[in-house]
Amino acid sequence: MENLSLLLLFLLFPVPGLLGSSRALCSMDEAMDEKMKQGFSSLLSDAVKNIGIQCRTVSSRGELASCPEGLAVTSCSCGSACGSWDVREGTICHCQCAGIDWTAARCCTLGVGA
């Protein structure tokens, strides 16, 4: 019974030399980490270089302004000093104040090779 207790204590007691959380990386590990970060960074840079955002502003009289097909609303502006607006169906700006004289939508899309 005593041997079983010692065995359980040994199995449940953490051995400090085997814990990796307090150890510093060796130079080989550090070099590998740095190479992996560089590789990922260059892949990301190449992907981002080939993608651009294309935007245009569309304005109209009244409380609604619609983006052309393929573009989505990223922000809205309202006339008559109105700061309350919402986006409908992802492509339409709606100004919520009464008596709006104009509404503008900033419409954007991601483009490859832009």
PDB file of N, CA and C in Angstrom:
ATOM      1  N   MET A   1       0.814  -1.193   0.000  1.00  0.00           N
ATOM      2  CA  MET A   1       0.000   0.000   0.000  1.00  0.00           C
ATOM      3  C   MET A   1       0.860   1.261   0.000  1.00  0.00           C
ATOM      4  N   GLU A   2       1.954   1.198   0.790  1.00  0.00           N
ATOM      5  CA  GLU A   2       2.862   2.343   0.861  1.00  0.00           C
ATOM      6  C   GLU A   2       3.555   2.557  -0.480  1.00  0.00           C
ATOM      7  N   ASN A   3       3.925   1.478  -1.150  1.00  0.00           N
ATOM      8  CA  ASN A   3       4.556   1.581  -2.468  1.00  0.00           C
ATOM      9  C   ASN A   3       3.599   2.188  -3.494  1.00  0.00           C
ATOM     10  N   LEU A   4       2.313   1.855  -3.402  1.00  0.00           N
ATOM     11  CA  LEU A   4       1.311   2.417  -4.300  1.00  0.00           C
ATOM     12  C   LEU A   4       1.165   3.917  -4.076  1.00  0.00           C
ATOM     13  N   SER A   5       1.195   4.334  -2.835  1.00  0.00           N
ATOM     14  CA  SER A   5       1.101   5.760  -2.508  1.00  0.00           C
ATOM     15  C   SER A   5       2.287   6.517  -3.068  1.00  0.00           C
ATOM     16  N   LEU A   6       3.482   5.951  -2.914  1.00  0.00           N
ATOM     17  CA  LEU A   6       4.686   6.595  -3.450  1.00  0.00           C
ATOM     18  C   LEU A   6       4.644   6.669  -4.973  1.00  0.00           C
ATOM     19  N   LEU A   7       4.150   5.612  -5.599  1.00  0.00           N
ATOM     20  CA  LEU A   7       4.047   5.603  -7.053  1.00  0.00           C
ATOM     21  C   LEU A   7       3.074   6.673  -7.544  1.00  0.00           C
ATOM     22  N   LEU A   8       1.909   6.769  -6.890  1.00  0.00           N
ATOM     23  CA  LEU A   8       0.932   7.800  -7.263  1.00  0.00           C
ATOM     24  C   LEU A   8       1.485   9.200  -7.037  1.00  0.00           C
ATOM     25  N   LEU A   9       2.182   9.403  -5.914  1.00  0.00           N
ATOM     26  CA  LEU A   9       2.780  10.702  -5.644  1.00  0.00           C
ATOM     27  C   LEU A   9       3.798  11.052  -6.719  1.00  0.00           C
ATOM     28  N   PHE A  10       4.608  10.096  -7.117  1.00  0.00           N
ATOM     29  CA  PHE A  10       5.614  10.318  -8.152  1.00  0.00           C
ATOM     30  C   PHE A  10       4.962  10.650  -9.494  1.00  0.00           C
ATOM     31  N   LEU A  11       3.878   9.933  -9.847  1.00  0.00           N
ATOM     32  CA  LEU A  11       3.203  10.167 -11.126  1.00  0.00           C
ATOM     33  C   LEU A  11       2.492  11.513 -11.157  1.00  0.00           C
ATOM     34  N   LEU A  12       1.959  11.949 -10.039  1.00  0.00           N
ATOM     35  CA  LEU A  12       1.207  13.205 -10.001  1.00  0.00           C
ATOM     36  C   LEU A  12       2.082  14.415  -9.711  1.00  0.00           C
ATOM     37  N   PHE A  13       3.287  14.207  -9.230  1.00  0.00           N
ATOM     38  CA  PHE A  13       4.189  15.310  -8.908  1.00  0.00           C
ATOM     39  C   PHE A  13       4.928  15.749 -10.170  1.00  0.00           C
ATOM     40  N   PRO A  14       4.801  17.015 -10.560  1.00  0.00           N
ATOM     41  CA  PRO A  14       5.486  17.465 -11.782  1.00  0.00           C
ATOM     42  C   PRO A  14       6.997  17.508 -11.589  1.00  0.00           C
ATOM     43  N   VAL A  15       7.683  17.079 -12.594  1.00  0.00           N
ATOM     44  CA  VAL A  15       9.137  17.094 -12.568  1.00  0.00           C
ATOM     45  C   VAL A  15       9.594  18.397 -13.212  1.00  0.00           C
ATOM     46  N   PRO A  16      10.248  19.301 -12.427  1.00  0.00           N
ATOM     47  CA  PRO A  16      10.617  20.623 -12.959  1.00  0.00           C
ATOM     48  C   PRO A  16      11.461  20.581 -14.223  1.00  0.00           C
ATOM     49  N   GLY A  17      12.311  19.617 -14.375  1.00  0.00           N
ATOM     50  CA  GLY A  17      13.162  19.556 -15.565  1.00  0.00           C
ATOM     51  C   GLY A  17      12.396  19.243 -16.843  1.00  0.00           C
ATOM     52  N   LEU A  18      11.194  18.665 -16.710  1.00  0.00           N
ATOM     53  CA  LEU A  18      10.418  18.304 -17.895  1.00  0.00           C
ATOM     54  C   LEU A  18       9.412  19.370 -18.298  1.00  0.00           C
ATOM     55  N   LEU A  19       9.235  20.370 -17.464  1.00  0.00           N
ATOM     56  CA  LEU A  19       8.293  21.439 -17.793  1.00  0.00           C
ATOM     57  C   LEU A  19       8.953  22.400 -18.760  1.00  0.00           C
ATOM     58  N   GLY A  20       8.276  22.723 -19.853  1.00  0.00           N
ATOM     59  CA  GLY A  20       8.862  23.582 -20.871  1.00  0.00           C
ATOM     60  C   GLY A  20       8.507  25.047 -20.718  1.00  0.00           C
ATOM     61  N   SER A  21       7.608  25.386 -19.841  1.00  0.00           N
ATOM     62  CA  SER A  21       7.127  26.763 -19.780  1.00  0.00           C
ATOM     63  C   SER A  21       8.175  27.741 -19.280  1.00  0.00           C
ATOM     64  N   SER A  22       9.102  27.298 -18.454  1.00  0.00           N
ATOM     65  CA  SER A  22      10.084  28.225 -17.907  1.00  0.00           C
ATOM     66  C   SER A  22      11.411  28.188 -18.657  1.00  0.00           C
ATOM     67  N   ARG A  23      11.529  27.313 -19.639  1.00  0.00           N
ATOM     68  CA  ARG A  23      12.775  27.197 -20.388  1.00  0.00           C
ATOM     69  C   ARG A  23      12.799  28.187 -21.536  1.00  0.00           C
ATOM     70  N   ALA A  24      13.957  28.745 -21.790  1.00  0.00           N
ATOM     71  CA  ALA A  24      14.136  29.609 -22.952  1.00  0.00           C
ATOM     72  C   ALA A  24      14.354  28.724 -24.178  1.00  0.00           C
ATOM     73  N   LEU A  25      14.030  29.237 -25.337  1.00  0.00           N
ATOM     74  CA  LEU A  25      14.264  28.487 -26.565  1.00  0.00           C
ATOM     75  C   LEU A  25      15.757  28.415 -26.853  1.00  0.00           C
ATOM     76  N   CYS A  26      16.191  27.299 -27.381  1.00  0.00           N
ATOM     77  CA  CYS A  26      17.590  27.215 -27.791  1.00  0.00           C
ATOM     78  C   CYS A  26      17.760  27.986 -29.090  1.00  0.00           C
ATOM     79  N   SER A  27      18.977  28.218 -29.492  1.00  0.00           N
ATOM     80  CA  SER A  27      19.231  29.037 -30.678  1.00  0.00           C
ATOM     81  C   SER A  27      18.630  28.421 -31.942  1.00  0.00           C
ATOM     82  N   MET A  28      18.601  27.108 -32.033  1.00  0.00           N
ATOM     83  CA  MET A  28      18.009  26.446 -33.202  1.00  0.00           C
ATOM     84  C   MET A  28      16.503  26.698 -33.241  1.00  0.00           C
ATOM     85  N   ASP A  29      15.840  26.586 -32.078  1.00  0.00           N
ATOM     86  CA  ASP A  29      14.402  26.860 -32.020  1.00  0.00           C
ATOM     87  C   ASP A  29      14.108  28.312 -32.383  1.00  0.00           C
ATOM     88  N   GLU A  30      14.921  29.217 -31.878  1.00  0.00           N
ATOM     89  CA  GLU A  30      14.734  30.638 -32.186  1.00  0.00           C
ATOM     90  C   GLU A  30      14.903  30.895 -33.680  1.00  0.00           C
ATOM     91  N   ALA A  31      15.894  30.264 -34.285  1.00  0.00           N
ATOM     92  CA  ALA A  31      16.132  30.422 -35.727  1.00  0.00           C
ATOM     93  C   ALA A  31      14.954  29.891 -36.533  1.00  0.00           C
ATOM     94  N   MET A  32      14.434  28.730 -36.141  1.00  0.00           N
ATOM     95  CA  MET A  32      13.280  28.149 -36.838  1.00  0.00           C
ATOM     96  C   MET A  32      12.048  29.048 -36.699  1.00  0.00           C
ATOM     97  N   ASP A  33      11.819  29.559 -35.496  1.00  0.00           N
ATOM     98  CA  ASP A  33      10.690  30.468 -35.289  1.00  0.00           C
ATOM     99  C   ASP A  33      10.809  31.700 -36.175  1.00  0.00           C
ATOM    100  N   GLU A  34      12.009  32.259 -36.248  1.00  0.00           N
ATOM    101  CA  GLU A  34      12.226  33.463 -37.053  1.00  0.00           C
ATOM    102  C   GLU A  34      11.986  33.173 -38.540  1.00  0.00           C
ATOM    103  N   LYS A  35      12.470  32.045 -39.038  1.00  0.00           N
ATOM    104  CA  LYS A  35      12.266  31.669 -40.443  1.00  0.00           C
ATOM    105  C   LYS A  35      10.781  31.480 -40.750  1.00  0.00           C
ATOM    106  N   MET A  36      10.059  30.841 -39.827  1.00  0.00           N
ATOM    107  CA  MET A  36       8.622  30.635 -40.041  1.00  0.00           C
ATOM    108  C   MET A  36       7.888  31.975 -40.070  1.00  0.00           C
ATOM    109  N   LYS A  37       8.234  32.892 -39.191  1.00  0.00           N
ATOM    110  CA  LYS A  37       7.607  34.212 -39.178  1.00  0.00           C
ATOM    111  C   LYS A  37       7.894  34.962 -40.476  1.00  0.00           C
ATOM    112  N   GLN A  38       9.142  34.883 -40.953  1.00  0.00           N
ATOM    113  CA  GLN A  38       9.511  35.550 -42.204  1.00  0.00           C
ATOM    114  C   GLN A  38       8.739  34.973 -43.382  1.00  0.00           C
ATOM    115  N   GLY A  39       8.624  33.650 -43.436  1.00  0.00           N
ATOM    116  CA  GLY A  39       7.898  33.003 -44.525  1.00  0.00           C
ATOM    117  C   GLY A  39       6.440  33.385 -44.531  1.00  0.00           C
ATOM    118  N   PHE A  40       5.817  33.374 -43.366  1.00  0.00           N
ATOM    119  CA  PHE A  40       4.410  33.758 -43.276  1.00  0.00           C
ATOM    120  C   PHE A  40       4.226  35.216 -43.640  1.00  0.00           C
ATOM    121  N   SER A  41       5.131  36.067 -43.169  1.00  0.00           N
ATOM    122  CA  SER A  41       5.037  37.491 -43.448  1.00  0.00           C
ATOM    123  C   SER A  41       5.137  37.767 -44.945  1.00  0.00           C
ATOM    124  N   SER A  42       6.055  37.094 -45.651  1.00  0.00           N
ATOM    125  CA  SER A  42       6.196  37.331 -47.085  1.00  0.00           C
ATOM    126  C   SER A  42       4.994  36.805 -47.861  1.00  0.00           C
ATOM    127  N   LEU A  43       4.423  35.681 -47.440  1.00  0.00           N
ATOM    128  CA  LEU A  43       3.217  35.173 -48.093  1.00  0.00           C
ATOM    129  C   LEU A  43       2.069  36.147 -47.932  1.00  0.00           C
ATOM    130  N   LEU A  44       1.909  36.681 -46.736  1.00  0.00           N
ATOM    131  CA  LEU A  44       0.843  37.631 -46.474  1.00  0.00           C
ATOM    132  C   LEU A  44       1.044  38.906 -47.281  1.00  0.00           C
ATOM    133  N   SER A  45       2.292  39.394 -47.350  1.00  0.00           N
ATOM    134  CA  SER A  45       2.580  40.605 -48.105  1.00  0.00           C
ATOM    135  C   SER A  45       2.240  40.436 -49.580  1.00  0.00           C
ATOM    136  N   ASP A  46       2.612  39.291 -50.169  1.00  0.00           N
ATOM    137  CA  ASP A  46       2.317  39.042 -51.580  1.00  0.00           C
ATOM    138  C   ASP A  46       0.815  38.997 -51.827  1.00  0.00           C
ATOM    139  N   ALA A  47       0.074  38.389 -50.924  1.00  0.00           N
ATOM    140  CA  ALA A  47      -1.381  38.312 -51.087  1.00  0.00           C
ATOM    141  C   ALA A  47      -2.011  39.691 -50.993  1.00  0.00           C
ATOM    142  N   VAL A  48      -1.556  40.495 -50.049  1.00  0.00           N
ATOM    143  CA  VAL A  48      -2.130  41.823 -49.852  1.00  0.00           C
ATOM    144  C   VAL A  48      -1.786  42.754 -51.006  1.00  0.00           C
ATOM    145  N   LYS A  49      -0.607  42.585 -51.598  1.00  0.00           N
ATOM    146  CA  LYS A  49      -0.207  43.431 -52.723  1.00  0.00           C
ATOM    147  C   LYS A  49      -1.164  43.281 -53.900  1.00  0.00           C
ATOM    148  N   ASN A  50      -1.733  42.105 -54.076  1.00  0.00           N
ATOM    149  CA  ASN A  50      -2.594  41.834 -55.221  1.00  0.00           C
ATOM    150  C   ASN A  50      -4.064  42.142 -54.972  1.00  0.00           C
ATOM    151  N   ILE A  51      -4.388  42.601 -53.772  1.00  0.00           N
ATOM    152  CA  ILE A  51      -5.778  42.935 -53.459  1.00  0.00           C
ATOM    153  C   ILE A  51      -5.855  44.416 -53.140  1.00  0.00           C
ATOM    154  N   GLY A  52      -6.789  45.087 -53.747  1.00  0.00           N
ATOM    155  CA  GLY A  52      -7.001  46.498 -53.466  1.00  0.00           C
ATOM    156  C   GLY A  52      -8.464  46.748 -53.205  1.00  0.00           C
ATOM    157  N   ILE A  53      -8.744  47.840 -52.531  1.00  0.00           N
ATOM    158  CA  ILE A  53     -10.131  48.197 -52.283  1.00  0.00           C
ATOM    159  C   ILE A  53     -10.503  49.312 -53.258  1.00  0.00           C
ATOM    160  N   GLN A  54     -11.662  49.181 -53.855  1.00  0.00           N
ATOM    161  CA  GLN A  54     -12.143  50.182 -54.805  1.00  0.00           C
ATOM    162  C   GLN A  54     -13.441  50.753 -54.259  1.00  0.00           C
ATOM    163  N   CYS A  55     -13.498  52.081 -54.147  1.00  0.00           N
ATOM    164  CA  CYS A  55     -14.673  52.731 -53.564  1.00  0.00           C
ATOM    165  C   CYS A  55     -15.155  53.876 -54.447  1.00  0.00           C
ATOM    166  N   ARG A  56     -16.415  54.207 -54.280  1.00  0.00           N
ATOM    167  CA  ARG A  56     -16.996  55.385 -54.930  1.00  0.00           C
ATOM    168  C   ARG A  56     -18.139  55.884 -54.073  1.00  0.00           C
ATOM    169  N   THR A  57     -18.464  57.143 -54.209  1.00  0.00           N
ATOM    170  CA  THR A  57     -19.560  57.738 -53.456  1.00  0.00           C
ATOM    171  C   THR A  57     -20.748  57.937 -54.384  1.00  0.00           C
ATOM    172  N   VAL A  58     -21.901  57.519 -53.922  1.00  0.00           N
ATOM    173  CA  VAL A  58     -23.147  57.680 -54.667  1.00  0.00           C
ATOM    174  C   VAL A  58     -24.067  58.543 -53.821  1.00  0.00           C
ATOM    175  N   SER A  59     -24.613  59.596 -54.412  1.00  0.00           N
ATOM    176  CA  SER A  59     -25.553  60.434 -53.656  1.00  0.00           C
ATOM    177  C   SER A  59     -26.845  60.601 -54.437  1.00  0.00           C
ATOM    178  N   SER A  60     -27.911  60.851 -53.696  1.00  0.00           N
ATOM    179  CA  SER A  60     -29.208  61.054 -54.338  1.00  0.00           C
ATOM    180  C   SER A  60     -30.071  61.955 -53.463  1.00  0.00           C
ATOM    181  N   ARG A  61     -31.114  62.481 -54.049  1.00  0.00           N
ATOM    182  CA  ARG A  61     -32.058  63.324 -53.311  1.00  0.00           C
ATOM    183  C   ARG A  61     -32.970  62.422 -52.477  1.00  0.00           C
ATOM    184  N   GLY A  62     -33.344  62.889 -51.317  1.00  0.00           N
ATOM    185  CA  GLY A  62     -34.238  62.117 -50.474  1.00  0.00           C
ATOM    186  C   GLY A  62     -33.489  61.304 -49.432  1.00  0.00           C
ATOM    187  N   GLU A  63     -34.175  60.312 -48.864  1.00  0.00           N
ATOM    188  CA  GLU A  63     -33.635  59.568 -47.721  1.00  0.00           C
ATOM    189  C   GLU A  63     -32.893  58.283 -48.070  1.00  0.00           C
ATOM    190  N   LEU A  64     -32.817  57.899 -49.346  1.00  0.00           N
ATOM    191  CA  LEU A  64     -32.164  56.646 -49.749  1.00  0.00           C
ATOM    192  C   LEU A  64     -31.080  56.885 -50.796  1.00  0.00           C
ATOM    193  N   ALA A  65     -29.974  56.152 -50.672  1.00  0.00           N
ATOM    194  CA  ALA A  65     -28.932  56.133 -51.697  1.00  0.00           C
ATOM    195  C   ALA A  65     -28.494  54.681 -51.857  1.00  0.00           C
ATOM    196  N   SER A  66     -28.474  54.196 -53.102  1.00  0.00           N
ATOM    197  CA  SER A  66     -28.162  52.786 -53.376  1.00  0.00           C
ATOM    198  C   SER A  66     -26.816  52.633 -54.057  1.00  0.00           C
ATOM    199  N   CYS A  67     -26.081  51.606 -53.643  1.00  0.00           N
ATOM    200  CA  CYS A  67     -24.807  51.279 -54.282  1.00  0.00           C
ATOM    201  C   CYS A  67     -25.066  50.504 -55.572  1.00  0.00           C
ATOM    202  N   PRO A  68     -24.179  50.672 -56.562  1.00  0.00           N
ATOM    203  CA  PRO A  68     -24.286  49.873 -57.782  1.00  0.00           C
ATOM    204  C   PRO A  68     -24.064  48.393 -57.475  1.00  0.00           C
ATOM    205  N   GLU A  69     -24.495  47.545 -58.382  1.00  0.00           N
ATOM    206  CA  GLU A  69     -24.336  46.095 -58.204  1.00  0.00           C
ATOM    207  C   GLU A  69     -22.867  45.733 -58.001  1.00  0.00           C
ATOM    208  N   GLY A  70     -22.607  44.856 -57.058  1.00  0.00           N
ATOM    209  CA  GLY A  70     -21.252  44.408 -56.771  1.00  0.00           C
ATOM    210  C   GLY A  70     -20.531  45.226 -55.716  1.00  0.00           C
ATOM    211  N   LEU A  71     -21.099  46.343 -55.300  1.00  0.00           N
ATOM    212  CA  LEU A  71     -20.507  47.184 -54.268  1.00  0.00           C
ATOM    213  C   LEU A  71     -21.366  47.133 -53.008  1.00  0.00           C
ATOM    214  N   ALA A  72     -20.738  47.313 -51.848  1.00  0.00           N
ATOM    215  CA  ALA A  72     -21.447  47.281 -50.573  1.00  0.00           C
ATOM    216  C   ALA A  72     -21.253  48.597 -49.832  1.00  0.00           C
ATOM    217  N   VAL A  73     -22.226  48.976 -49.021  1.00  0.00           N
ATOM    218  CA  VAL A  73     -22.149  50.207 -48.231  1.00  0.00           C
ATOM    219  C   VAL A  73     -21.099  50.048 -47.142  1.00  0.00           C
ATOM    220  N   THR A  74     -20.217  51.033 -47.038  1.00  0.00           N
ATOM    221  CA  THR A  74     -19.275  51.068 -45.923  1.00  0.00           C
ATOM    222  C   THR A  74     -19.581  52.223 -44.977  1.00  0.00           C
ATOM    223  N   SER A  75     -20.282  53.252 -45.453  1.00  0.00           N
ATOM    224  CA  SER A  75     -20.723  54.353 -44.593  1.00  0.00           C
ATOM    225  C   SER A  75     -21.769  55.184 -45.328  1.00  0.00           C
ATOM    226  N   CYS A  76     -22.457  56.007 -44.546  1.00  0.00           N
ATOM    227  CA  CYS A  76     -23.501  56.871 -45.111  1.00  0.00           C
ATOM    228  C   CYS A  76     -23.338  58.292 -44.591  1.00  0.00           C
ATOM    229  N   SER A  77     -23.852  59.248 -45.357  1.00  0.00           N
ATOM    230  CA  SER A  77     -23.922  60.645 -44.940  1.00  0.00           C
ATOM    231  C   SER A  77     -25.315  61.150 -45.251  1.00  0.00           C
ATOM    232  N   CYS A  78     -25.811  62.030 -44.371  1.00  0.00           N
ATOM    233  CA  CYS A  78     -27.163  62.551 -44.542  1.00  0.00           C
ATOM    234  C   CYS A  78     -27.156  64.079 -44.546  1.00  0.00           C
ATOM    235  N   GLY A  79     -28.048  64.640 -45.352  1.00  0.00           N
ATOM    236  CA  GLY A  79     -28.225  66.086 -45.353  1.00  0.00           C
ATOM    237  C   GLY A  79     -29.071  66.514 -44.168  1.00  0.00           C
ATOM    238  N   SER A  80     -29.371  67.809 -44.116  1.00  0.00           N
ATOM    239  CA  SER A  80     -30.208  68.392 -43.067  1.00  0.00           C
ATOM    240  C   SER A  80     -29.652  68.142 -41.668  1.00  0.00           C
ATOM    241  N   ALA A  81     -28.330  68.048 -41.548  1.00  0.00           N
ATOM    242  CA  ALA A  81     -27.654  67.839 -40.266  1.00  0.00           C
ATOM    243  C   ALA A  81     -28.147  66.593 -39.535  1.00  0.00           C
ATOM    244  N   CYS A  82     -28.508  65.566 -40.282  1.00  0.00           N
ATOM    245  CA  CYS A  82     -28.988  64.315 -39.692  1.00  0.00           C
ATOM    246  C   CYS A  82     -27.806  63.359 -39.515  1.00  0.00           C
ATOM    247  N   GLY A  83     -27.678  62.806 -38.332  1.00  0.00           N
ATOM    248  CA  GLY A  83     -26.604  61.853 -38.071  1.00  0.00           C
ATOM    249  C   GLY A  83     -27.115  60.442 -37.840  1.00  0.00           C
ATOM    250  N   SER A  84     -28.397  60.218 -38.066  1.00  0.00           N
ATOM    251  CA  SER A  84     -28.987  58.891 -37.835  1.00  0.00           C
ATOM    252  C   SER A  84     -29.257  58.209 -39.158  1.00  0.00           C
ATOM    253  N   TRP A  85     -28.596  57.076 -39.368  1.00  0.00           N
ATOM    254  CA  TRP A  85     -28.788  56.335 -40.610  1.00  0.00           C
ATOM    255  C   TRP A  85     -28.625  54.854 -40.345  1.00  0.00           C
ATOM    256  N   ASP A  86     -29.097  54.058 -41.277  1.00  0.00           N
ATOM    257  CA  ASP A  86     -28.911  52.614 -41.215  1.00  0.00           C
ATOM    258  C   ASP A  86     -28.672  52.091 -42.621  1.00  0.00           C
ATOM    259  N   VAL A  87     -28.181  50.863 -42.684  1.00  0.00           N
ATOM    260  CA  VAL A  87     -27.891  50.217 -43.967  1.00  0.00           C
ATOM    261  C   VAL A  87     -28.921  49.122 -44.180  1.00  0.00           C
ATOM    262  N   ARG A  88     -29.533  49.130 -45.327  1.00  0.00           N
ATOM    263  CA  ARG A  88     -30.533  48.121 -45.675  1.00  0.00           C
ATOM    264  C   ARG A  88     -29.988  47.199 -46.743  1.00  0.00           C
ATOM    265  N   GLU A  89     -30.133  45.908 -46.503  1.00  0.00           N
ATOM    266  CA  GLU A  89     -29.716  44.867 -47.450  1.00  0.00           C
ATOM    267  C   GLU A  89     -28.250  44.971 -47.858  1.00  0.00           C
ATOM    268  N   GLY A  90     -27.439  45.692 -47.091  1.00  0.00           N
ATOM    269  CA  GLY A  90     -26.017  45.805 -47.371  1.00  0.00           C
ATOM    270  C   GLY A  90     -25.653  46.750 -48.489  1.00  0.00           C
ATOM    271  N   THR A  91     -26.663  47.277 -49.196  1.00  0.00           N
ATOM    272  CA  THR A  91     -26.359  48.113 -50.367  1.00  0.00           C
ATOM    273  C   THR A  91     -27.093  49.450 -50.392  1.00  0.00           C
ATOM    274  N   ILE A  92     -27.936  49.723 -49.392  1.00  0.00           N
ATOM    275  CA  ILE A  92     -28.749  50.941 -49.405  1.00  0.00           C
ATOM    276  C   ILE A  92     -28.560  51.720 -48.108  1.00  0.00           C
ATOM    277  N   CYS A  93     -28.203  53.002 -48.221  1.00  0.00           N
ATOM    278  CA  CYS A  93     -28.156  53.892 -47.067  1.00  0.00           C
ATOM    279  C   CYS A  93     -29.538  54.512 -46.881  1.00  0.00           C
ATOM    280  N   HIS A  94     -29.988  54.539 -45.634  1.00  0.00           N
ATOM    281  CA  HIS A  94     -31.280  55.131 -45.305  1.00  0.00           C
ATOM    282  C   HIS A  94     -31.075  56.150 -44.194  1.00  0.00           C
ATOM    283  N   CYS A  95     -31.350  57.403 -44.462  1.00  0.00           N
ATOM    284  CA  CYS A  95     -31.277  58.449 -43.438  1.00  0.00           C
ATOM    285  C   CYS A  95     -32.597  58.476 -42.689  1.00  0.00           C
ATOM    286  N   GLN A  96     -32.538  58.489 -41.355  1.00  0.00           N
ATOM    287  CA  GLN A  96     -33.715  58.291 -40.520  1.00  0.00           C
ATOM    288  C   GLN A  96     -34.421  59.572 -40.082  1.00  0.00           C
ATOM    289  N   CYS A  97     -33.873  60.732 -40.342  1.00  0.00           N
ATOM    290  CA  CYS A  97     -34.503  61.986 -39.919  1.00  0.00           C
ATOM    291  C   CYS A  97     -35.566  62.428 -40.925  1.00  0.00           C
ATOM    292  N   ALA A  98     -36.521  63.182 -40.444  1.00  0.00           N
ATOM    293  CA  ALA A  98     -37.583  63.691 -41.328  1.00  0.00           C
ATOM    294  C   ALA A  98     -37.042  64.845 -42.171  1.00  0.00           C
ATOM    295  N   GLY A  99     -37.530  64.956 -43.377  1.00  0.00           N
ATOM    296  CA  GLY A  99     -37.187  66.084 -44.247  1.00  0.00           C
ATOM    297  C   GLY A  99     -35.761  66.054 -44.783  1.00  0.00           C
ATOM    298  N   ILE A 100     -35.228  64.902 -45.032  1.00  0.00           N
ATOM    299  CA  ILE A 100     -33.859  64.777 -45.562  1.00  0.00           C
ATOM    300  C   ILE A 100     -33.829  65.268 -47.004  1.00  0.00           C
ATOM    301  N   ASP A 101     -32.866  66.159 -47.307  1.00  0.00           N
ATOM    302  CA  ASP A 101     -32.765  66.660 -48.674  1.00  0.00           C
ATOM    303  C   ASP A 101     -31.828  65.816 -49.537  1.00  0.00           C
ATOM    304  N   TRP A 102     -30.818  65.172 -48.935  1.00  0.00           N
ATOM    305  CA  TRP A 102     -29.925  64.302 -49.702  1.00  0.00           C
ATOM    306  C   TRP A 102     -29.352  63.210 -48.815  1.00  0.00           C
ATOM    307  N   THR A 103     -28.921  62.132 -49.458  1.00  0.00           N
ATOM    308  CA  THR A 103     -28.274  61.004 -48.793  1.00  0.00           C
ATOM    309  C   THR A 103     -27.114  60.550 -49.674  1.00  0.00           C
ATOM    310  N   ALA A 104     -25.994  60.214 -49.037  1.00  0.00           N
ATOM    311  CA  ALA A 104     -24.832  59.713 -49.786  1.00  0.00           C
ATOM    312  C   ALA A 104     -24.389  58.383 -49.189  1.00  0.00           C
ATOM    313  N   ALA A 105     -23.971  57.475 -50.060  1.00  0.00           N
ATOM    314  CA  ALA A 105     -23.462  56.165 -49.649  1.00  0.00           C
ATOM    315  C   ALA A 105     -22.036  56.022 -50.148  1.00  0.00           C
ATOM    316  N   ARG A 106     -21.156  55.568 -49.280  1.00  0.00           N
ATOM    317  CA  ARG A 106     -19.792  55.208 -49.699  1.00  0.00           C
ATOM    318  C   ARG A 106     -19.841  53.724 -49.995  1.00  0.00           C
ATOM    319  N   CYS A 107     -19.591  53.368 -51.250  1.00  0.00           N
ATOM    320  CA  CYS A 107     -19.755  51.988 -51.731  1.00  0.00           C
ATOM    321  C   CYS A 107     -18.381  51.432 -52.124  1.00  0.00           C
ATOM    322  N   CYS A 108     -18.066  50.245 -51.605  1.00  0.00           N
ATOM    323  CA  CYS A 108     -16.737  49.666 -51.851  1.00  0.00           C
ATOM    324  C   CYS A 108     -16.818  48.199 -52.213  1.00  0.00           C
ATOM    325  N   THR A 109     -15.737  47.719 -52.829  1.00  0.00           N
ATOM    326  CA  THR A 109     -15.552  46.303 -53.122  1.00  0.00           C
ATOM    327  C   THR A 109     -14.059  46.021 -53.100  1.00  0.00           C
ATOM    328  N   LEU A 110     -13.703  44.750 -52.865  1.00  0.00           N
ATOM    329  CA  LEU A 110     -12.309  44.347 -52.963  1.00  0.00           C
ATOM    330  C   LEU A 110     -12.041  43.941 -54.393  1.00  0.00           C
ATOM    331  N   GLY A 111     -10.909  44.354 -54.915  1.00  0.00           N
ATOM    332  CA  GLY A 111     -10.554  44.003 -56.282  1.00  0.00           C
ATOM    333  C   GLY A 111      -9.192  43.352 -56.326  1.00  0.00           C
ATOM    334  N   VAL A 112      -9.003  42.361 -57.172  1.00  0.00           N
ATOM    335  CA  VAL A 112      -7.718  41.693 -57.336  1.00  0.00           C
ATOM    336  C   VAL A 112      -6.929  42.431 -58.382  1.00  0.00           C
ATOM    337  N   GLY A 113      -5.655  42.690 -58.072  1.00  0.00           N
ATOM    338  CA  GLY A 113      -4.771  43.359 -59.024  1.00  0.00           C
ATOM    339  C   GLY A 113      -4.969  44.848 -59.086  1.00  0.00           C
ATOM    340  N   ALA A 114      -5.622  45.414 -58.092  1.00  0.00           N
ATOM    341  CA  ALA A 114      -5.862  46.857 -58.085  1.00  0.00           C
ATOM    342  C   ALA A 114      -4.643  47.618 -57.637  1.00  0.00           C
TER     343      ALA A 114
END
